[in-house]
């Protein structure tokens, strides 16, 4: 018997806590700063997950990126299993698995395993981009047809869904293949699927399929409102959702003083500049970022990037997040803090929790 897909009332729609108007969540790239190691970055992610759980954040999602020295999140499922062992309540998910890089059966079995390890608190967020450069994408897929995965995304999604539900029709080549752990072993729940996107394609597809939608405002701000409008206009009620539900990823960082926040986000902006200009590396320290000699074109890029980052004192960040929510109508805000050190990132989430009066929950 296929497992019941969770409905909007029991897993997808989060709970707003404290004075926050919508649920607040965490997006984690597991950033690796200059002078730090991947082991330290992963340890910070465990600390972050426990802090987020304790302070009432709804989800902790981990991104998928490859061949980027400044991040250690190439294997979301592995990281999520580790986080599950160190938490009890917070929802954990991929933000997201880049489906064209993987066989749908592998994803179904990985997330079936996660669901068995942490029943009822796993999200499967899916993207159609490679999460890396073209050469790395080819190495991941063992093919030179780099557009193949993105073009086939709806078909890959349908195949993955059938593996998760164990309901290929009789006569289908995969009808006798079972994703395990999975429904062939018992009538348990399965992770809800989210579609991730930075443009209109996934927005429309999520709406047509009646799935929750996560938009990457943090690197595609100009497309946020058009994509959310398209999602809502395209939405058809489904067994999963009775009404649209959209979260947006937003880059935000709070510090005790505004100048401290600016120093931290400048590090992240320089890291992004280097990535966008083919010079990826570890996230620089604030001192390295302040000492960097920006060309006029580079300064223009950094200023434009920082214009879409919410940063400052806790009150300033709260005001910025509230304004963004009002402008977009987002049902949930997922915050990513791209700074050099783990201490600054952890402090930022704690300050944001304080700004919204999020409760201290018992561990």
Protein backbone atom coordinates (compact mmCIF):
# COMPACT_ATOMS: atom_id res chain seq x y z
CA UNK A 1 0.00 0.00 0.00
CA UNK A 2 1.42 3.44 -0.90
CA UNK A 3 2.37 5.55 2.07
CA UNK A 4 0.18 8.53 2.91
CA UNK A 5 1.59 11.80 1.63
CA UNK A 6 1.58 14.35 4.48
CA UNK A 7 -0.97 17.13 4.11
CA UNK A 8 -0.54 20.85 4.61
CA UNK A 9 -1.93 20.60 8.13
CA UNK A 10 0.63 18.17 9.48
CA UNK A 11 4.06 18.86 8.01
CA UNK A 12 4.31 21.52 5.35
CA UNK A 13 2.84 24.64 6.88
CA UNK A 14 4.98 25.77 9.77
CA UNK A 15 4.07 27.49 13.00
CA UNK A 16 4.86 31.16 13.57
CA UNK A 17 6.40 31.59 17.00
CA UNK A 18 6.99 34.56 19.25
CA UNK A 19 6.20 37.81 17.46
CA UNK A 20 7.29 36.51 14.04
CA UNK A 21 4.44 36.88 11.51
CA UNK A 22 5.47 33.68 9.68
CA UNK A 23 7.67 30.67 10.49
CA UNK A 24 11.42 31.30 10.39
CA UNK A 25 13.80 28.64 9.11
CA UNK A 26 17.49 28.07 8.32
CA UNK A 27 19.25 27.50 5.00
CA UNK A 28 22.78 26.16 5.47
CA UNK A 29 25.53 26.09 2.85
CA UNK A 30 28.02 24.74 5.43
CA UNK A 31 30.41 27.56 4.55
CA UNK A 32 34.15 27.04 4.97
CA UNK A 33 36.06 30.18 5.88
CA UNK A 34 39.68 31.06 5.26
CA UNK A 35 41.84 29.37 7.90
CA UNK A 36 39.07 26.91 8.79
CA UNK A 37 38.41 23.31 7.79
CA UNK A 38 35.44 21.34 6.48
CA UNK A 39 35.35 19.48 9.80
CA UNK A 40 34.92 22.77 11.64
CA UNK A 41 32.23 23.89 9.20
CA UNK A 42 30.27 20.66 9.68
CA UNK A 43 30.60 20.94 13.45
CA UNK A 44 29.17 24.46 13.18
CA UNK A 45 26.19 23.04 11.27
CA UNK A 46 25.46 20.68 14.16
CA UNK A 47 25.64 23.60 16.59
CA UNK A 48 23.39 25.61 14.29
CA UNK A 49 20.81 22.84 14.04
CA UNK A 50 20.66 22.47 17.80
CA UNK A 51 20.43 26.24 18.30
CA UNK A 52 17.69 26.50 15.66
CA UNK A 53 15.73 23.70 17.32
CA UNK A 54 16.13 25.22 20.76
CA UNK A 55 15.08 28.70 19.60
CA UNK A 56 11.99 27.69 17.64
CA UNK A 57 13.12 27.85 14.01
CA UNK A 58 10.93 25.54 11.93
CA UNK A 59 13.36 23.89 9.49
CA UNK A 60 17.06 23.45 8.83
CA UNK A 61 17.78 22.80 5.17
CA UNK A 62 21.16 21.98 3.63
CA UNK A 63 22.10 23.01 0.10
CA UNK A 64 23.87 20.96 -2.59
CA UNK A 65 26.92 22.51 -4.23
CA UNK A 66 29.92 20.90 -5.88
CA UNK A 67 33.53 21.88 -6.56
CA UNK A 68 33.24 25.05 -4.48
CA UNK A 69 36.02 25.41 -1.90
CA UNK A 70 33.95 27.78 0.22
CA UNK A 71 31.19 25.27 1.01
CA UNK A 72 31.13 21.73 2.39
CA UNK A 73 27.57 20.84 1.42
CA UNK A 74 28.17 18.50 -1.52
CA UNK A 75 26.22 15.61 0.09
CA UNK A 76 23.01 16.87 1.73
CA UNK A 77 21.69 13.42 2.63
CA UNK A 78 24.86 12.52 4.51
CA UNK A 79 24.86 15.81 6.42
CA UNK A 80 21.15 15.52 7.22
CA UNK A 81 21.65 12.05 8.69
CA UNK A 82 24.30 13.51 10.99
CA UNK A 83 22.04 16.41 11.98
CA UNK A 84 19.17 14.02 12.66
CA UNK A 85 21.33 12.20 15.20
CA UNK A 86 21.88 15.45 17.10
CA UNK A 87 18.33 16.87 17.08
CA UNK A 88 14.84 15.72 18.08
CA UNK A 89 12.17 18.08 16.73
CA UNK A 90 13.35 20.46 14.02
CA UNK A 91 12.45 19.59 10.44
CA UNK A 92 15.49 18.71 8.34
CA UNK A 93 15.67 18.87 4.57
CA UNK A 94 17.54 19.46 1.36
CA UNK A 95 17.63 22.95 -0.01
CA UNK A 96 17.92 21.22 -2.28
CA UNK A 97 18.93 18.01 -3.98
CA UNK A 98 19.79 18.93 -7.56
CA UNK A 99 17.81 16.14 -9.18
CA UNK A 100 19.56 16.17 -12.58
CA UNK A 101 22.78 15.12 -10.79
CA UNK A 102 21.22 11.93 -9.40
CA UNK A 103 19.26 8.86 -10.36
CA UNK A 104 15.72 9.21 -8.95
CA UNK A 105 15.93 5.76 -7.34
CA UNK A 106 19.05 6.80 -5.42
CA UNK A 107 17.32 9.94 -4.12
CA UNK A 108 14.24 7.93 -3.13
CA UNK A 109 16.34 5.47 -1.16
CA UNK A 110 18.48 8.15 0.48
CA UNK A 111 15.46 10.10 1.68
CA UNK A 112 13.57 6.94 2.57
CA UNK A 113 16.52 6.17 4.83
CA UNK A 114 16.41 9.66 6.33
CA UNK A 115 12.68 9.33 6.95
CA UNK A 116 13.31 6.03 8.74
CA UNK A 117 15.99 7.69 10.88
CA UNK A 118 13.93 10.80 11.69
CA UNK A 119 10.27 9.89 11.11
CA UNK A 120 7.98 12.77 10.29
CA UNK A 121 10.58 15.52 10.13
CA UNK A 122 12.30 15.22 6.74
CA UNK A 123 11.71 17.49 3.72
CA UNK A 124 12.84 16.64 0.19
CA UNK A 125 13.59 19.89 -1.60
CA UNK A 126 14.42 19.46 -5.29
CA UNK A 127 16.10 21.75 -7.80
CA UNK A 128 16.69 21.45 -11.52
CA UNK A 129 20.02 23.33 -11.72
CA UNK A 130 23.35 21.49 -11.40
CA UNK A 131 24.57 23.47 -8.38
CA UNK A 132 27.98 23.82 -9.99
CA UNK A 133 29.82 24.60 -13.25
CA UNK A 134 29.33 22.74 -16.51
CA UNK A 135 32.44 20.57 -16.31
CA UNK A 136 31.61 19.42 -12.78
CA UNK A 137 28.02 18.72 -13.83
CA UNK A 138 29.33 16.51 -16.63
CA UNK A 139 31.56 14.65 -14.18
CA UNK A 140 28.62 14.09 -11.82
CA UNK A 141 26.32 12.82 -14.55
CA UNK A 142 28.94 10.98 -16.59
CA UNK A 143 27.62 12.65 -19.73
CA UNK A 144 28.46 15.65 -21.91
CA UNK A 145 24.78 16.43 -22.46
CA UNK A 146 24.65 19.16 -19.83
CA UNK A 147 21.10 20.28 -20.58
CA UNK A 148 19.71 16.79 -20.47
CA UNK A 149 18.83 16.79 -16.76
CA UNK A 150 17.17 20.21 -16.70
CA UNK A 151 15.12 19.42 -19.82
CA UNK A 152 13.97 16.12 -18.34
CA UNK A 153 13.23 17.48 -14.87
CA UNK A 154 9.43 16.92 -14.94
CA UNK A 155 9.97 13.32 -16.03
CA UNK A 156 12.65 12.79 -13.37
CA UNK A 157 10.32 14.25 -10.75
CA UNK A 158 7.48 11.94 -11.80
CA UNK A 159 9.81 8.93 -11.64
CA UNK A 160 11.09 9.92 -8.20
CA UNK A 161 7.53 10.36 -6.92
CA UNK A 162 6.56 6.90 -8.13
CA UNK A 163 9.60 5.37 -6.42
CA UNK A 164 8.70 7.14 -3.17
CA UNK A 165 5.09 5.92 -3.40
CA UNK A 166 5.96 2.49 -4.84
CA UNK A 167 3.21 2.80 -7.43
CA UNK A 168 4.61 2.21 -10.90
CA UNK A 169 1.80 0.71 -13.00
CA UNK A 170 1.81 -2.93 -13.99
CA UNK A 171 3.88 -3.46 -17.10
CA UNK A 172 6.21 -0.53 -16.40
CA UNK A 173 9.92 -1.50 -16.59
CA UNK A 174 10.32 -0.37 -12.97
CA UNK A 175 7.15 -1.97 -11.60
CA UNK A 176 9.12 -4.64 -9.74
CA UNK A 177 11.74 -2.25 -8.36
CA UNK A 178 11.21 -1.04 -4.79
CA UNK A 179 12.96 1.90 -3.18
CA UNK A 180 14.03 0.79 0.31
CA UNK A 181 13.47 1.88 2.97
CA UNK A 182 10.03 2.45 1.50
CA UNK A 183 6.37 1.50 1.42
CA UNK A 184 7.08 -2.12 0.45
CA UNK A 185 8.28 -2.51 4.05
CA UNK A 186 5.31 -0.91 5.78
CA UNK A 187 2.71 1.89 5.67
CA UNK A 188 4.88 4.73 7.01
CA UNK A 189 4.96 8.37 5.99
CA UNK A 190 7.27 9.77 3.35
CA UNK A 191 9.06 13.10 3.01
CA UNK A 192 7.00 15.84 1.37
CA UNK A 193 8.48 17.10 -1.90
CA UNK A 194 9.23 20.80 -2.33
CA UNK A 195 10.22 22.39 -5.63
CA UNK A 196 13.01 24.96 -5.48
CA UNK A 197 13.62 27.63 -8.07
CA UNK A 198 15.04 31.00 -9.05
CA UNK A 199 12.83 31.66 -12.08
CA UNK A 200 9.41 30.88 -13.45
CA UNK A 201 9.87 27.27 -14.60
CA UNK A 202 9.79 25.61 -11.19
CA UNK A 203 7.25 28.15 -9.92
CA UNK A 204 4.75 27.13 -12.58
CA UNK A 205 5.49 23.41 -12.19
CA UNK A 206 5.06 23.56 -8.40
CA UNK A 207 1.75 25.35 -8.85
CA UNK A 208 0.40 22.93 -11.44
CA UNK A 209 1.38 19.94 -9.28
CA UNK A 210 0.04 21.49 -6.08
CA UNK A 211 3.41 21.32 -4.32
CA UNK A 212 5.04 23.75 -1.88
CA UNK A 213 7.53 26.14 -3.49
CA UNK A 214 10.80 27.60 -2.22
CA UNK A 215 12.21 30.59 -4.10
CA UNK A 216 15.88 31.63 -4.02
CA UNK A 217 15.40 35.33 -3.30
CA UNK A 218 18.94 35.47 -1.89
CA UNK A 219 20.46 35.26 -5.36
CA UNK A 220 17.55 36.06 -7.69
CA UNK A 221 15.80 38.95 -5.97
CA UNK A 222 14.51 40.61 -9.14
CA UNK A 223 12.53 37.47 -10.00
CA UNK A 224 10.98 36.90 -6.57
CA UNK A 225 7.61 38.59 -6.92
CA UNK A 226 6.98 37.50 -10.56
CA UNK A 227 7.82 33.89 -9.65
CA UNK A 228 5.60 33.88 -6.56
CA UNK A 229 2.75 35.44 -8.54
CA UNK A 230 3.16 32.76 -11.21
CA UNK A 231 3.17 30.02 -8.57
CA UNK A 232 -0.01 31.28 -6.96
CA UNK A 233 -1.77 31.85 -10.29
CA UNK A 234 -0.82 28.34 -11.47
CA UNK A 235 -1.70 26.57 -8.25
CA UNK A 236 -4.06 23.61 -8.32
CA UNK A 237 -5.12 22.02 -5.01
CA UNK A 238 -3.66 18.55 -4.54
CA UNK A 239 -3.52 15.72 -2.04
CA UNK A 240 -0.49 17.49 -0.60
CA UNK A 241 -1.66 21.10 -0.40
CA UNK A 242 -5.07 22.72 -0.39
CA UNK A 243 -3.65 26.21 -0.99
CA UNK A 244 -0.31 27.66 -2.18
CA UNK A 245 2.55 27.66 0.30
CA UNK A 246 5.74 29.53 -0.61
CA UNK A 247 8.86 30.20 1.37
CA UNK A 248 11.69 32.45 0.24
CA UNK A 249 15.37 32.10 0.97
CA UNK A 250 16.85 35.37 2.19
CA UNK A 251 20.41 36.28 3.06
CA UNK A 252 20.38 38.00 6.46
CA UNK A 253 22.90 38.65 9.19
CA UNK A 254 22.48 40.37 12.53
CA UNK A 255 25.23 41.56 14.86
CA UNK A 256 25.32 43.54 18.07
CA UNK A 257 26.42 46.60 16.10
CA UNK A 258 25.65 47.55 12.50
CA UNK A 259 29.34 47.98 11.66
CA UNK A 260 30.05 44.41 12.77
CA UNK A 261 27.27 43.11 10.54
CA UNK A 262 28.65 45.03 7.55
CA UNK A 263 32.11 43.55 8.06
CA UNK A 264 30.66 40.05 8.08
CA UNK A 265 28.46 40.40 5.01
CA UNK A 266 31.33 42.00 3.07
CA UNK A 267 33.18 38.69 3.45
CA UNK A 268 30.26 36.85 1.90
CA UNK A 269 29.96 39.41 -0.89
CA UNK A 270 33.64 39.06 -1.79
CA UNK A 271 33.29 35.27 -1.81
CA UNK A 272 30.34 35.60 -4.22
CA UNK A 273 32.26 38.05 -6.42
CA UNK A 274 35.11 35.60 -6.72
CA UNK A 275 32.72 32.75 -7.50
CA UNK A 276 30.90 34.74 -10.19
CA UNK A 277 34.21 35.73 -11.82
CA UNK A 278 35.64 32.21 -11.95
CA UNK A 279 37.86 32.51 -8.86
CA UNK A 280 36.07 30.42 -6.23
CA UNK A 281 37.80 30.01 -2.89
CA UNK A 282 37.31 29.86 0.85
CA UNK A 283 35.14 32.58 2.38
CA UNK A 284 37.57 35.41 3.23
CA UNK A 285 37.90 36.86 6.71
CA UNK A 286 36.44 40.31 7.39
CA UNK A 287 40.00 41.63 7.50
CA UNK A 288 40.78 40.13 4.10
CA UNK A 289 37.58 41.60 2.67
CA UNK A 290 38.27 45.07 4.07
CA UNK A 291 41.81 45.01 2.69
CA UNK A 292 40.70 43.92 -0.80
CA UNK A 293 41.12 46.55 -3.53
CA UNK A 294 37.84 46.51 -5.46
CA UNK A 295 37.78 47.76 -9.03
CA UNK A 296 34.87 50.04 -9.96
CA UNK A 297 33.09 47.12 -11.65
CA UNK A 298 33.70 44.87 -8.66
CA UNK A 299 32.45 47.53 -6.27
CA UNK A 300 29.29 47.86 -8.35
CA UNK A 301 28.73 44.10 -8.12
CA UNK A 302 29.30 44.03 -4.36
CA UNK A 303 27.02 47.02 -3.75
CA UNK A 304 24.30 45.37 -5.83
CA UNK A 305 24.73 42.09 -3.99
CA UNK A 306 24.57 43.73 -0.56
CA UNK A 307 21.43 45.64 -1.57
CA UNK A 308 19.58 42.31 -1.35
CA UNK A 309 21.13 41.22 1.95
CA UNK A 310 19.29 42.13 5.15
CA UNK A 311 21.94 43.06 7.71
CA UNK A 312 22.53 45.30 10.69
CA UNK A 313 21.43 45.32 14.32
CA UNK A 314 18.73 42.85 15.38
CA UNK A 315 16.05 45.54 15.14
CA UNK A 316 17.25 46.57 11.67
CA UNK A 317 17.22 42.97 10.48
CA UNK A 318 13.74 42.40 11.88
CA UNK A 319 12.50 45.52 10.07
CA UNK A 320 14.10 44.36 6.82
CA UNK A 321 12.67 40.86 7.07
CA UNK A 322 9.22 42.17 7.92
CA UNK A 323 9.31 44.48 4.92
CA UNK A 324 10.40 41.65 2.62
CA UNK A 325 7.60 39.43 3.86
CA UNK A 326 5.01 42.14 3.31
CA UNK A 327 6.27 42.85 -0.23
CA UNK A 328 6.33 39.20 -1.25
CA UNK A 329 3.53 37.68 0.81
CA UNK A 330 5.88 34.80 1.66
CA UNK A 331 4.42 32.14 3.93
CA UNK A 332 7.81 31.41 5.49
CA UNK A 333 11.26 33.01 5.59
CA UNK A 334 14.33 30.78 5.32
CA UNK A 335 17.43 32.64 6.43
CA UNK A 336 20.96 32.00 5.24
CA UNK A 337 23.88 33.75 6.93
CA UNK A 338 26.91 33.74 4.66
CA UNK A 339 29.74 34.89 6.91
CA UNK A 340 33.32 33.78 7.44
CA UNK A 341 33.19 32.21 10.88
CA UNK A 342 30.77 29.91 12.62
CA UNK A 343 30.63 32.15 15.67
CA UNK A 344 29.23 35.08 13.68
CA UNK A 345 26.63 32.90 11.99
CA UNK A 346 25.45 31.32 15.24
CA UNK A 347 25.31 34.72 16.94
CA UNK A 348 23.24 36.09 14.06
CA UNK A 349 20.56 33.41 14.35
CA UNK A 350 20.42 33.86 18.13
CA UNK A 351 19.99 37.63 17.74
CA UNK A 352 17.25 37.20 15.13
CA UNK A 353 15.48 34.77 17.46
CA UNK A 354 15.68 37.37 20.24
CA UNK A 355 14.40 40.12 17.93
CA UNK A 356 11.28 38.05 17.24
CA UNK A 357 10.87 36.87 20.84
CA UNK A 358 11.19 33.25 19.78
CA UNK A 359 10.80 31.06 22.84
CA UNK A 360 13.56 29.01 24.42
CA UNK A 361 12.34 25.44 23.97
CA UNK A 362 13.36 22.58 26.21
CA UNK A 363 15.95 20.25 24.67
